[in-house]
Amino acid sequence: MVAQEETPAGSAILDTGDQSLKNHETDVDLTLLEMNNRRLKEIEEALLKLREDRYGMCEECGAEISSGRLKAMPFAKYCVVCKERQELFERIERSRTEV
């Protein structure tokens, strides 16, 4: 139960701990909403590619994305080789900015 104190006007005020918990719950809700919105966008992009007969083609090299990868991640944009290369470049870039 949330601890509250009454003000002279009769309105309830959350204590600091309860307000912190409420803020955390709001942050979690917003993060989940953002994740769901990103996933929805990825699915919509995959459906557009399907309609345009571009589904399953790597956006980087144009090669066909393996069926196993598409089964695991139907909205994959890159083949395994290009995705690994992209992730390597991202790690290198992060390590440069951390120094």
PDB file of N, CA and C in Angstrom:
ATOM      1  N   MET A   1       0.841  -1.175   0.000  1.00  0.00           N
ATOM      2  CA  MET A   1       0.000   0.000   0.000  1.00  0.00           C
ATOM      3  C   MET A   1       0.888   1.242   0.000  1.00  0.00           C
ATOM      4  N   VAL A   2       0.478   2.239  -0.722  1.00  0.00           N
ATOM      5  CA  VAL A   2       1.241   3.469  -0.859  1.00  0.00           C
ATOM      6  C   VAL A   2       1.017   4.344   0.362  1.00  0.00           C
ATOM      7  N   ALA A   3       2.126   4.775   0.957  1.00  0.00           N
ATOM      8  CA  ALA A   3       2.033   5.647   2.128  1.00  0.00           C
ATOM      9  C   ALA A   3       1.714   7.059   1.679  1.00  0.00           C
ATOM     10  N   GLN A   4       0.715   7.648   2.318  1.00  0.00           N
ATOM     11  CA  GLN A   4       0.310   8.997   1.966  1.00  0.00           C
ATOM     12  C   GLN A   4       0.117   9.808   3.231  1.00  0.00           C
ATOM     13  N   GLU A   5       0.272  11.097   3.120  1.00  0.00           N
ATOM     14  CA  GLU A   5      -0.039  11.971   4.244  1.00  0.00           C
ATOM     15  C   GLU A   5      -1.070  12.975   3.760  1.00  0.00           C
ATOM     16  N   GLU A   6      -1.884  13.405   4.650  1.00  0.00           N
ATOM     17  CA  GLU A   6      -2.931  14.356   4.291  1.00  0.00           C
ATOM     18  C   GLU A   6      -2.409  15.780   4.455  1.00  0.00           C
ATOM     19  N   THR A   7      -2.708  16.605   3.494  1.00  0.00           N
ATOM     20  CA  THR A   7      -2.370  18.019   3.584  1.00  0.00           C
ATOM     21  C   THR A   7      -3.574  18.752   4.158  1.00  0.00           C
ATOM     22  N   PRO A   8      -3.370  19.961   4.590  1.00  0.00           N
ATOM     23  CA  PRO A   8      -4.513  20.710   5.133  1.00  0.00           C
ATOM     24  C   PRO A   8      -5.692  20.781   4.163  1.00  0.00           C
ATOM     25  N   ALA A   9      -5.408  20.802   2.876  1.00  0.00           N
ATOM     26  CA  ALA A   9      -6.490  20.873   1.895  1.00  0.00           C
ATOM     27  C   ALA A   9      -7.138  19.517   1.679  1.00  0.00           C
ATOM     28  N   GLY A  10      -6.570  18.446   2.282  1.00  0.00           N
ATOM     29  CA  GLY A  10      -7.156  17.114   2.170  1.00  0.00           C
ATOM     30  C   GLY A  10      -6.623  16.283   1.015  1.00  0.00           C
ATOM     31  N   SER A  11      -5.666  16.788   0.233  1.00  0.00           N
ATOM     32  CA  SER A  11      -5.123  15.999  -0.868  1.00  0.00           C
ATOM     33  C   SER A  11      -3.978  15.135  -0.354  1.00  0.00           C
ATOM     34  N   ALA A  12      -3.821  13.964  -0.952  1.00  0.00           N
ATOM     35  CA  ALA A  12      -2.786  13.023  -0.521  1.00  0.00           C
ATOM     36  C   ALA A  12      -1.475  13.319  -1.243  1.00  0.00           C
ATOM     37  N   ILE A  13      -0.371  13.204  -0.529  1.00  0.00           N
ATOM     38  CA  ILE A  13       0.964  13.397  -1.094  1.00  0.00           C
ATOM     39  C   ILE A  13       1.721  12.088  -0.928  1.00  0.00           C
ATOM     40  N   LEU A  14       2.341  11.616  -2.011  1.00  0.00           N
ATOM     41  CA  LEU A  14       3.148  10.402  -1.942  1.00  0.00           C
ATOM     42  C   LEU A  14       4.454  10.724  -1.239  1.00  0.00           C
ATOM     43  N   ASP A  15       4.932   9.796  -0.393  1.00  0.00           N
ATOM     44  CA  ASP A  15       6.238  10.026   0.214  1.00  0.00           C
ATOM     45  C   ASP A  15       7.321   9.817  -0.842  1.00  0.00           C
ATOM     46  N   THR A  16       8.550  10.165  -0.517  1.00  0.00           N
ATOM     47  CA  THR A  16       9.649  10.134  -1.480  1.00  0.00           C
ATOM     48  C   THR A  16       9.865   8.748  -2.074  1.00  0.00           C
ATOM     49  N   GLY A  17       9.837   7.711  -1.246  1.00  0.00           N
ATOM     50  CA  GLY A  17      10.035   6.343  -1.735  1.00  0.00           C
ATOM     51  C   GLY A  17       8.941   5.916  -2.686  1.00  0.00           C
ATOM     52  N   ASP A  18       7.703   6.241  -2.346  1.00  0.00           N
ATOM     53  CA  ASP A  18       6.590   5.876  -3.214  1.00  0.00           C
ATOM     54  C   ASP A  18       6.638   6.644  -4.531  1.00  0.00           C
ATOM     55  N   GLN A  19       7.024   7.908  -4.470  1.00  0.00           N
ATOM     56  CA  GLN A  19       7.133   8.701  -5.693  1.00  0.00           C
ATOM     57  C   GLN A  19       8.241   8.147  -6.580  1.00  0.00           C
ATOM     58  N   SER A  20       9.336   7.718  -5.964  1.00  0.00           N
ATOM     59  CA  SER A  20      10.438   7.122  -6.717  1.00  0.00           C
ATOM     60  C   SER A  20       9.979   5.845  -7.415  1.00  0.00           C
ATOM     61  N   LEU A  21       9.235   5.006  -6.711  1.00  0.00           N
ATOM     62  CA  LEU A  21       8.707   3.773  -7.300  1.00  0.00           C
ATOM     63  C   LEU A  21       7.761   4.094  -8.448  1.00  0.00           C
ATOM     64  N   LYS A  22       6.911   5.061  -8.266  1.00  0.00           N
ATOM     65  CA  LYS A  22       5.970   5.466  -9.315  1.00  0.00           C
ATOM     66  C   LYS A  22       6.733   5.961 -10.545  1.00  0.00           C
ATOM     67  N   ASN A  23       7.781   6.761 -10.327  1.00  0.00           N
ATOM     68  CA  ASN A  23       8.597   7.246 -11.442  1.00  0.00           C
ATOM     69  C   ASN A  23       9.277   6.093 -12.170  1.00  0.00           C
ATOM     70  N   HIS A  24       9.786   5.122 -11.416  1.00  0.00           N
ATOM     71  CA  HIS A  24      10.438   3.959 -12.016  1.00  0.00           C
ATOM     72  C   HIS A  24       9.444   3.168 -12.860  1.00  0.00           C
ATOM     73  N   GLU A  25       8.256   2.949 -12.332  1.00  0.00           N
ATOM     74  CA  GLU A  25       7.230   2.209 -13.078  1.00  0.00           C
ATOM     75  C   GLU A  25       6.861   2.939 -14.366  1.00  0.00           C
ATOM     76  N   THR A  26       6.788   4.255 -14.306  1.00  0.00           N
ATOM     77  CA  THR A  26       6.500   5.049 -15.501  1.00  0.00           C
ATOM     78  C   THR A  26       7.622   4.906 -16.517  1.00  0.00           C
ATOM     79  N   ASP A  27       8.876   4.947 -16.056  1.00  0.00           N
ATOM     80  CA  ASP A  27      10.023   4.766 -16.951  1.00  0.00           C
ATOM     81  C   ASP A  27       9.988   3.403 -17.621  1.00  0.00           C
ATOM     82  N   VAL A  28       9.668   2.358 -16.864  1.00  0.00           N
ATOM     83  CA  VAL A  28       9.582   1.004 -17.421  1.00  0.00           C
ATOM     84  C   VAL A  28       8.479   0.944 -18.470  1.00  0.00           C
ATOM     85  N   ASP A  29       7.328   1.518 -18.164  1.00  0.00           N
ATOM     86  CA  ASP A  29       6.213   1.532 -19.116  1.00  0.00           C
ATOM     87  C   ASP A  29       6.598   2.242 -20.410  1.00  0.00           C
ATOM     88  N   LEU A  30       7.279   3.377 -20.299  1.00  0.00           N
ATOM     89  CA  LEU A  30       7.697   4.119 -21.490  1.00  0.00           C
ATOM     90  C   LEU A  30       8.715   3.340 -22.311  1.00  0.00           C
ATOM     91  N   THR A  31       9.639   2.671 -21.632  1.00  0.00           N
ATOM     92  CA  THR A  31      10.636   1.860 -22.331  1.00  0.00           C
ATOM     93  C   THR A  31       9.968   0.721 -23.091  1.00  0.00           C
ATOM     94  N   LEU A  32       9.021   0.046 -22.453  1.00  0.00           N
ATOM     95  CA  LEU A  32       8.292  -1.038 -23.114  1.00  0.00           C
ATOM     96  C   LEU A  32       7.497  -0.519 -24.306  1.00  0.00           C
ATOM     97  N   LEU A  33       6.889   0.635 -24.166  1.00  0.00           N
ATOM     98  CA  LEU A  33       6.138   1.230 -25.260  1.00  0.00           C
ATOM     99  C   LEU A  33       7.053   1.550 -26.440  1.00  0.00           C
ATOM    100  N   GLU A  34       8.228   2.110 -26.166  1.00  0.00           N
ATOM    101  CA  GLU A  34       9.194   2.407 -27.226  1.00  0.00           C
ATOM    102  C   GLU A  34       9.650   1.132 -27.926  1.00  0.00           C
ATOM    103  N   MET A  35       9.909   0.073 -27.148  1.00  0.00           N
ATOM    104  CA  MET A  35      10.331  -1.203 -27.734  1.00  0.00           C
ATOM    105  C   MET A  35       9.233  -1.762 -28.630  1.00  0.00           C
ATOM    106  N   ASN A  36       7.995  -1.705 -28.167  1.00  0.00           N
ATOM    107  CA  ASN A  36       6.873  -2.208 -28.963  1.00  0.00           C
ATOM    108  C   ASN A  36       6.692  -1.390 -30.236  1.00  0.00           C
ATOM    109  N   ASN A  37       6.867  -0.081 -30.144  1.00  0.00           N
ATOM    110  CA  ASN A  37       6.752   0.770 -31.329  1.00  0.00           C
ATOM    111  C   ASN A  37       7.841   0.462 -32.350  1.00  0.00           C
ATOM    112  N   ARG A  38       9.074   0.231 -31.871  1.00  0.00           N
ATOM    113  CA  ARG A  38      10.168  -0.141 -32.784  1.00  0.00           C
ATOM    114  C   ARG A  38       9.867  -1.469 -33.467  1.00  0.00           C
ATOM    115  N   ARG A  39       9.380  -2.437 -32.693  1.00  0.00           N
ATOM    116  CA  ARG A  39       9.067  -3.754 -33.260  1.00  0.00           C
ATOM    117  C   ARG A  39       7.948  -3.638 -34.294  1.00  0.00           C
ATOM    118  N   LEU A  40       6.931  -2.849 -34.010  1.00  0.00           N
ATOM    119  CA  LEU A  40       5.836  -2.644 -34.955  1.00  0.00           C
ATOM    120  C   LEU A  40       6.355  -2.028 -36.250  1.00  0.00           C
ATOM    121  N   LYS A  41       7.251  -1.057 -36.137  1.00  0.00           N
ATOM    122  CA  LYS A  41       7.840  -0.431 -37.325  1.00  0.00           C
ATOM    123  C   LYS A  41       8.626  -1.458 -38.139  1.00  0.00           C
ATOM    124  N   GLU A  42       9.384  -2.315 -37.464  1.00  0.00           N
ATOM    125  CA  GLU A  42      10.155  -3.354 -38.161  1.00  0.00           C
ATOM    126  C   GLU A  42       9.227  -4.314 -38.899  1.00  0.00           C
ATOM    127  N   ILE A  43       8.131  -4.678 -38.276  1.00  0.00           N
ATOM    128  CA  ILE A  43       7.168  -5.585 -38.911  1.00  0.00           C
ATOM    129  C   ILE A  43       6.519  -4.911 -40.115  1.00  0.00           C
ATOM    130  N   GLU A  44       6.141  -3.644 -39.961  1.00  0.00           N
ATOM    131  CA  GLU A  44       5.539  -2.913 -41.081  1.00  0.00           C
ATOM    132  C   GLU A  44       6.512  -2.800 -42.250  1.00  0.00           C
ATOM    133  N   GLU A  45       7.795  -2.570 -41.962  1.00  0.00           N
ATOM    134  CA  GLU A  45       8.808  -2.501 -43.021  1.00  0.00           C
ATOM    135  C   GLU A  45       8.949  -3.849 -43.723  1.00  0.00           C
ATOM    136  N   ALA A  46       8.918  -4.937 -42.957  1.00  0.00           N
ATOM    137  CA  ALA A  46       9.014  -6.279 -43.549  1.00  0.00           C
ATOM    138  C   ALA A  46       7.809  -6.553 -44.444  1.00  0.00           C
ATOM    139  N   LEU A  47       6.621  -6.153 -44.013  1.00  0.00           N
ATOM    140  CA  LEU A  47       5.419  -6.354 -44.832  1.00  0.00           C
ATOM    141  C   LEU A  47       5.492  -5.540 -46.122  1.00  0.00           C
ATOM    142  N   LEU A  48       6.024  -4.323 -46.049  1.00  0.00           N
ATOM    143  CA  LEU A  48       6.195  -3.508 -47.246  1.00  0.00           C
ATOM    144  C   LEU A  48       7.163  -4.186 -48.215  1.00  0.00           C
ATOM    145  N   LYS A  49       8.267  -4.699 -47.688  1.00  0.00           N
ATOM    146  CA  LYS A  49       9.235  -5.411 -48.536  1.00  0.00           C
ATOM    147  C   LYS A  49       8.589  -6.626 -49.190  1.00  0.00           C
ATOM    148  N   LEU A  50       7.735  -7.309 -48.452  1.00  0.00           N
ATOM    149  CA  LEU A  50       7.036  -8.479 -48.990  1.00  0.00           C
ATOM    150  C   LEU A  50       6.160  -8.058 -50.167  1.00  0.00           C
ATOM    151  N   ARG A  51       5.425  -6.961 -50.007  1.00  0.00           N
ATOM    152  CA  ARG A  51       4.564  -6.470 -51.088  1.00  0.00           C
ATOM    153  C   ARG A  51       5.388  -6.030 -52.297  1.00  0.00           C
ATOM    154  N   GLU A  52       6.570  -5.496 -52.052  1.00  0.00           N
ATOM    155  CA  GLU A  52       7.427  -4.999 -53.135  1.00  0.00           C
ATOM    156  C   GLU A  52       8.391  -6.061 -53.651  1.00  0.00           C
ATOM    157  N   ASP A  53       8.221  -7.285 -53.189  1.00  0.00           N
ATOM    158  CA  ASP A  53       9.054  -8.422 -53.603  1.00  0.00           C
ATOM    159  C   ASP A  53      10.538  -8.194 -53.288  1.00  0.00           C
ATOM    160  N   ARG A  54      10.805  -7.526 -52.156  1.00  0.00           N
ATOM    161  CA  ARG A  54      12.175  -7.310 -51.700  1.00  0.00           C
ATOM    162  C   ARG A  54      12.444  -8.024 -50.384  1.00  0.00           C
ATOM    163  N   TYR A  55      11.462  -8.757 -49.884  1.00  0.00           N
ATOM    164  CA  TYR A  55      11.600  -9.421 -48.586  1.00  0.00           C
ATOM    165  C   TYR A  55      12.679 -10.496 -48.650  1.00  0.00           C
ATOM    166  N   GLY A  56      13.515 -10.540 -47.627  1.00  0.00           N
ATOM    167  CA  GLY A  56      14.545 -11.564 -47.534  1.00  0.00           C
ATOM    168  C   GLY A  56      15.843 -11.210 -48.231  1.00  0.00           C
ATOM    169  N   MET A  57      15.955  -9.963 -48.693  1.00  0.00           N
ATOM    170  CA  MET A  57      17.178  -9.517 -49.344  1.00  0.00           C
ATOM    171  C   MET A  57      17.929  -8.586 -48.392  1.00  0.00           C
ATOM    172  N   CYS A  58      19.232  -8.810 -48.267  1.00  0.00           N
ATOM    173  CA  CYS A  58      20.070  -7.992 -47.390  1.00  0.00           C
ATOM    174  C   CYS A  58      20.123  -6.557 -47.915  1.00  0.00           C
ATOM    175  N   GLU A  59      19.885  -5.596 -47.038  1.00  0.00           N
ATOM    176  CA  GLU A  59      19.918  -4.186 -47.432  1.00  0.00           C
ATOM    177  C   GLU A  59      21.339  -3.689 -47.691  1.00  0.00           C
ATOM    178  N   GLU A  60      22.334  -4.407 -47.205  1.00  0.00           N
ATOM    179  CA  GLU A  60      23.725  -3.982 -47.373  1.00  0.00           C
ATOM    180  C   GLU A  60      24.333  -4.527 -48.673  1.00  0.00           C
ATOM    181  N   CYS A  61      24.270  -5.831 -48.849  1.00  0.00           N
ATOM    182  CA  CYS A  61      24.960  -6.451 -49.992  1.00  0.00           C
ATOM    183  C   CYS A  61      24.009  -6.983 -51.066  1.00  0.00           C
ATOM    184  N   GLY A  62      22.719  -7.055 -50.762  1.00  0.00           N
ATOM    185  CA  GLY A  62      21.746  -7.541 -51.736  1.00  0.00           C
ATOM    186  C   GLY A  62      21.607  -9.049 -51.785  1.00  0.00           C
ATOM    187  N   ALA A  63      22.404  -9.756 -50.990  1.00  0.00           N
ATOM    188  CA  ALA A  63      22.318 -11.223 -50.971  1.00  0.00           C
ATOM    189  C   ALA A  63      21.030 -11.667 -50.284  1.00  0.00           C
ATOM    190  N   GLU A  64      20.657 -12.901 -50.560  1.00  0.00           N
ATOM    191  CA  GLU A  64      19.470 -13.465 -49.928  1.00  0.00           C
ATOM    192  C   GLU A  64      19.776 -13.790 -48.466  1.00  0.00           C
ATOM    193  N   ILE A  65      18.879 -13.389 -47.576  1.00  0.00           N
ATOM    194  CA  ILE A  65      19.012 -13.697 -46.152  1.00  0.00           C
ATOM    195  C   ILE A  65      18.545 -15.130 -45.955  1.00  0.00           C
ATOM    196  N   SER A  66      19.289 -15.905 -45.189  1.00  0.00           N
ATOM    197  CA  SER A  66      18.963 -17.326 -45.018  1.00  0.00           C
ATOM    198  C   SER A  66      17.579 -17.508 -44.401  1.00  0.00           C
ATOM    199  N   SER A  67      16.926 -18.602 -44.785  1.00  0.00           N
ATOM    200  CA  SER A  67      15.581 -18.878 -44.266  1.00  0.00           C
ATOM    201  C   SER A  67      15.612 -19.088 -42.757  1.00  0.00           C
ATOM    202  N   GLY A  68      16.690 -19.678 -42.236  1.00  0.00           N
ATOM    203  CA  GLY A  68      16.815 -19.871 -40.795  1.00  0.00           C
ATOM    204  C   GLY A  68      16.833 -18.545 -40.052  1.00  0.00           C
ATOM    205  N   ARG A  69      17.563 -17.582 -40.608  1.00  0.00           N
ATOM    206  CA  ARG A  69      17.612 -16.250 -39.981  1.00  0.00           C
ATOM    207  C   ARG A  69      16.246 -15.575 -40.050  1.00  0.00           C
ATOM    208  N   LEU A  70      15.570 -15.710 -41.180  1.00  0.00           N
ATOM    209  CA  LEU A  70      14.251 -15.089 -41.320  1.00  0.00           C
ATOM    210  C   LEU A  70      13.210 -15.761 -40.433  1.00  0.00           C
ATOM    211  N   LYS A  71      13.364 -17.062 -40.201  1.00  0.00           N
ATOM    212  CA  LYS A  71      12.438 -17.741 -39.283  1.00  0.00           C
ATOM    213  C   LYS A  71      12.647 -17.238 -37.862  1.00  0.00           C
ATOM    214  N   ALA A  72      13.902 -17.037 -37.493  1.00  0.00           N
ATOM    215  CA  ALA A  72      14.216 -16.559 -36.143  1.00  0.00           C
ATOM    216  C   ALA A  72      13.870 -15.082 -35.983  1.00  0.00           C
ATOM    217  N   MET A  73      14.076 -14.312 -37.048  1.00  0.00           N
ATOM    218  CA  MET A  73      13.841 -12.867 -36.997  1.00  0.00           C
ATOM    219  C   MET A  73      13.237 -12.435 -38.341  1.00  0.00           C
ATOM    220  N   PRO A  74      11.915 -12.550 -38.475  1.00  0.00           N
ATOM    221  CA  PRO A  74      11.265 -12.289 -39.767  1.00  0.00           C
ATOM    222  C   PRO A  74      11.470 -10.877 -40.314  1.00  0.00           C
ATOM    223  N   PHE A  75      11.896  -9.953 -39.482  1.00  0.00           N
ATOM    224  CA  PHE A  75      12.091  -8.573 -39.926  1.00  0.00           C
ATOM    225  C   PHE A  75      13.570  -8.246 -40.104  1.00  0.00           C
ATOM    226  N   ALA A  76      14.424  -9.276 -40.220  1.00  0.00           N
ATOM    227  CA  ALA A  76      15.865  -9.057 -40.397  1.00  0.00           C
ATOM    228  C   ALA A  76      16.116  -8.243 -41.665  1.00  0.00           C
ATOM    229  N   LYS A  77      17.007  -7.262 -41.560  1.00  0.00           N
ATOM    230  CA  LYS A  77      17.345  -6.403 -42.690  1.00  0.00           C
ATOM    231  C   LYS A  77      18.643  -6.816 -43.366  1.00  0.00           C
ATOM    232  N   TYR A  78      19.477  -7.566 -42.621  1.00  0.00           N
ATOM    233  CA  TYR A  78      20.810  -7.880 -43.114  1.00  0.00           C
ATOM    234  C   TYR A  78      21.085  -9.372 -43.017  1.00  0.00           C
ATOM    235  N   CYS A  79      21.922  -9.868 -43.930  1.00  0.00           N
ATOM    236  CA  CYS A  79      22.390 -11.247 -43.827  1.00  0.00           C
ATOM    237  C   CYS A  79      23.327 -11.334 -42.615  1.00  0.00           C
ATOM    238  N   VAL A  80      23.664 -12.536 -42.218  1.00  0.00           N
ATOM    239  CA  VAL A  80      24.494 -12.729 -41.029  1.00  0.00           C
ATOM    240  C   VAL A  80      25.854 -12.042 -41.183  1.00  0.00           C
ATOM    241  N   VAL A  81      26.474 -12.183 -42.340  1.00  0.00           N
ATOM    242  CA  VAL A  81      27.805 -11.602 -42.560  1.00  0.00           C
ATOM    243  C   VAL A  81      27.764 -10.078 -42.415  1.00  0.00           C
ATOM    244  N   CYS A  82      26.797  -9.441 -43.053  1.00  0.00           N
ATOM    245  CA  CYS A  82      26.707  -7.976 -42.982  1.00  0.00           C
ATOM    246  C   CYS A  82      26.328  -7.508 -41.582  1.00  0.00           C
ATOM    247  N   LYS A  83      25.451  -8.234 -40.908  1.00  0.00           N
ATOM    248  CA  LYS A  83      25.057  -7.854 -39.551  1.00  0.00           C
ATOM    249  C   LYS A  83      26.242  -7.968 -38.601  1.00  0.00           C
ATOM    250  N   GLU A  84      27.028  -9.042 -38.725  1.00  0.00           N
ATOM    251  CA  GLU A  84      28.212  -9.199 -37.876  1.00  0.00           C
ATOM    252  C   GLU A  84      29.219  -8.081 -38.142  1.00  0.00           C
ATOM    253  N   ARG A  85      29.392  -7.723 -39.402  1.00  0.00           N
ATOM    254  CA  ARG A  85      30.313  -6.640 -39.757  1.00  0.00           C
ATOM    255  C   ARG A  85      29.816  -5.321 -39.156  1.00  0.00           C
ATOM    256  N   GLN A  86      28.518  -5.074 -39.265  1.00  0.00           N
ATOM    257  CA  GLN A  86      27.929  -3.860 -38.705  1.00  0.00           C
ATOM    258  C   GLN A  86      28.132  -3.799 -37.189  1.00  0.00           C
ATOM    259  N   GLU A  87      27.904  -4.915 -36.502  1.00  0.00           N
ATOM    260  CA  GLU A  87      28.082  -4.960 -35.048  1.00  0.00           C
ATOM    261  C   GLU A  87      29.542  -4.758 -34.659  1.00  0.00           C
ATOM    262  N   LEU A  88      30.469  -5.296 -35.453  1.00  0.00           N
ATOM    263  CA  LEU A  88      31.894  -5.096 -35.197  1.00  0.00           C
ATOM    264  C   LEU A  88      32.254  -3.613 -35.300  1.00  0.00           C
ATOM    265  N   PHE A  89      31.791  -2.956 -36.358  1.00  0.00           N
ATOM    266  CA  PHE A  89      32.052  -1.526 -36.517  1.00  0.00           C
ATOM    267  C   PHE A  89      31.461  -0.728 -35.359  1.00  0.00           C
ATOM    268  N   GLU A  90      30.269  -1.107 -34.903  1.00  0.00           N
ATOM    269  CA  GLU A  90      29.641  -0.412 -33.772  1.00  0.00           C
ATOM    270  C   GLU A  90      30.459  -0.582 -32.499  1.00  0.00           C
ATOM    271  N   ARG A  91      30.998  -1.797 -32.267  1.00  0.00           N
ATOM    272  CA  ARG A  91      31.837  -2.027 -31.081  1.00  0.00           C
ATOM    273  C   ARG A  91      33.116  -1.205 -31.158  1.00  0.00           C
ATOM    274  N   ILE A  92      33.721  -1.155 -32.333  1.00  0.00           N
ATOM    275  CA  ILE A  92      34.941  -0.366 -32.512  1.00  0.00           C
ATOM    276  C   ILE A  92      34.650   1.106 -32.253  1.00  0.00           C
ATOM    277  N   GLU A  93      33.555   1.590 -32.788  1.00  0.00           N
ATOM    278  CA  GLU A  93      33.186   3.001 -32.599  1.00  0.00           C
ATOM    279  C   GLU A  93      32.928   3.310 -31.128  1.00  0.00           C
ATOM    280  N   ARG A  94      32.231   2.411 -30.425  1.00  0.00           N
ATOM    281  CA  ARG A  94      31.977   2.619 -28.993  1.00  0.00           C
ATOM    282  C   ARG A  94      33.276   2.646 -28.208  1.00  0.00           C
ATOM    283  N   SER A  95      34.208   1.746 -28.555  1.00  0.00           N
ATOM    284  CA  SER A  95      35.475   1.704 -27.823  1.00  0.00           C
ATOM    285  C   SER A  95      36.282   2.981 -28.060  1.00  0.00           C
ATOM    286  N   ARG A  96      36.162   3.576 -29.220  1.00  0.00           N
ATOM    287  CA  ARG A  96      36.859   4.837 -29.508  1.00  0.00           C
ATOM    288  C   ARG A  96      36.285   5.980 -28.687  1.00  0.00           C
ATOM    289  N   THR A  97      34.982   5.995 -28.516  1.00  0.00           N
ATOM    290  CA  THR A  97      34.351   7.091 -27.774  1.00  0.00           C
ATOM    291  C   THR A  97      34.517   6.933 -26.271  1.00  0.00           C
ATOM    292  N   GLU A  98      34.799   5.720 -25.799  1.00  0.00           N
ATOM    293  CA  GLU A  98      34.986   5.479 -24.368  1.00  0.00           C
ATOM    294  C   GLU A  98      36.364   5.908 -23.895  1.00  0.00           C
ATOM    295  N   VAL A  99      37.294   6.033 -24.802  1.00  0.00           N
ATOM    296  CA  VAL A  99      38.674   6.382 -24.447  1.00  0.00           C
ATOM    297  C   VAL A  99      38.822   7.846 -24.198  1.00  0.00           C
TER     298      VAL A  99
END
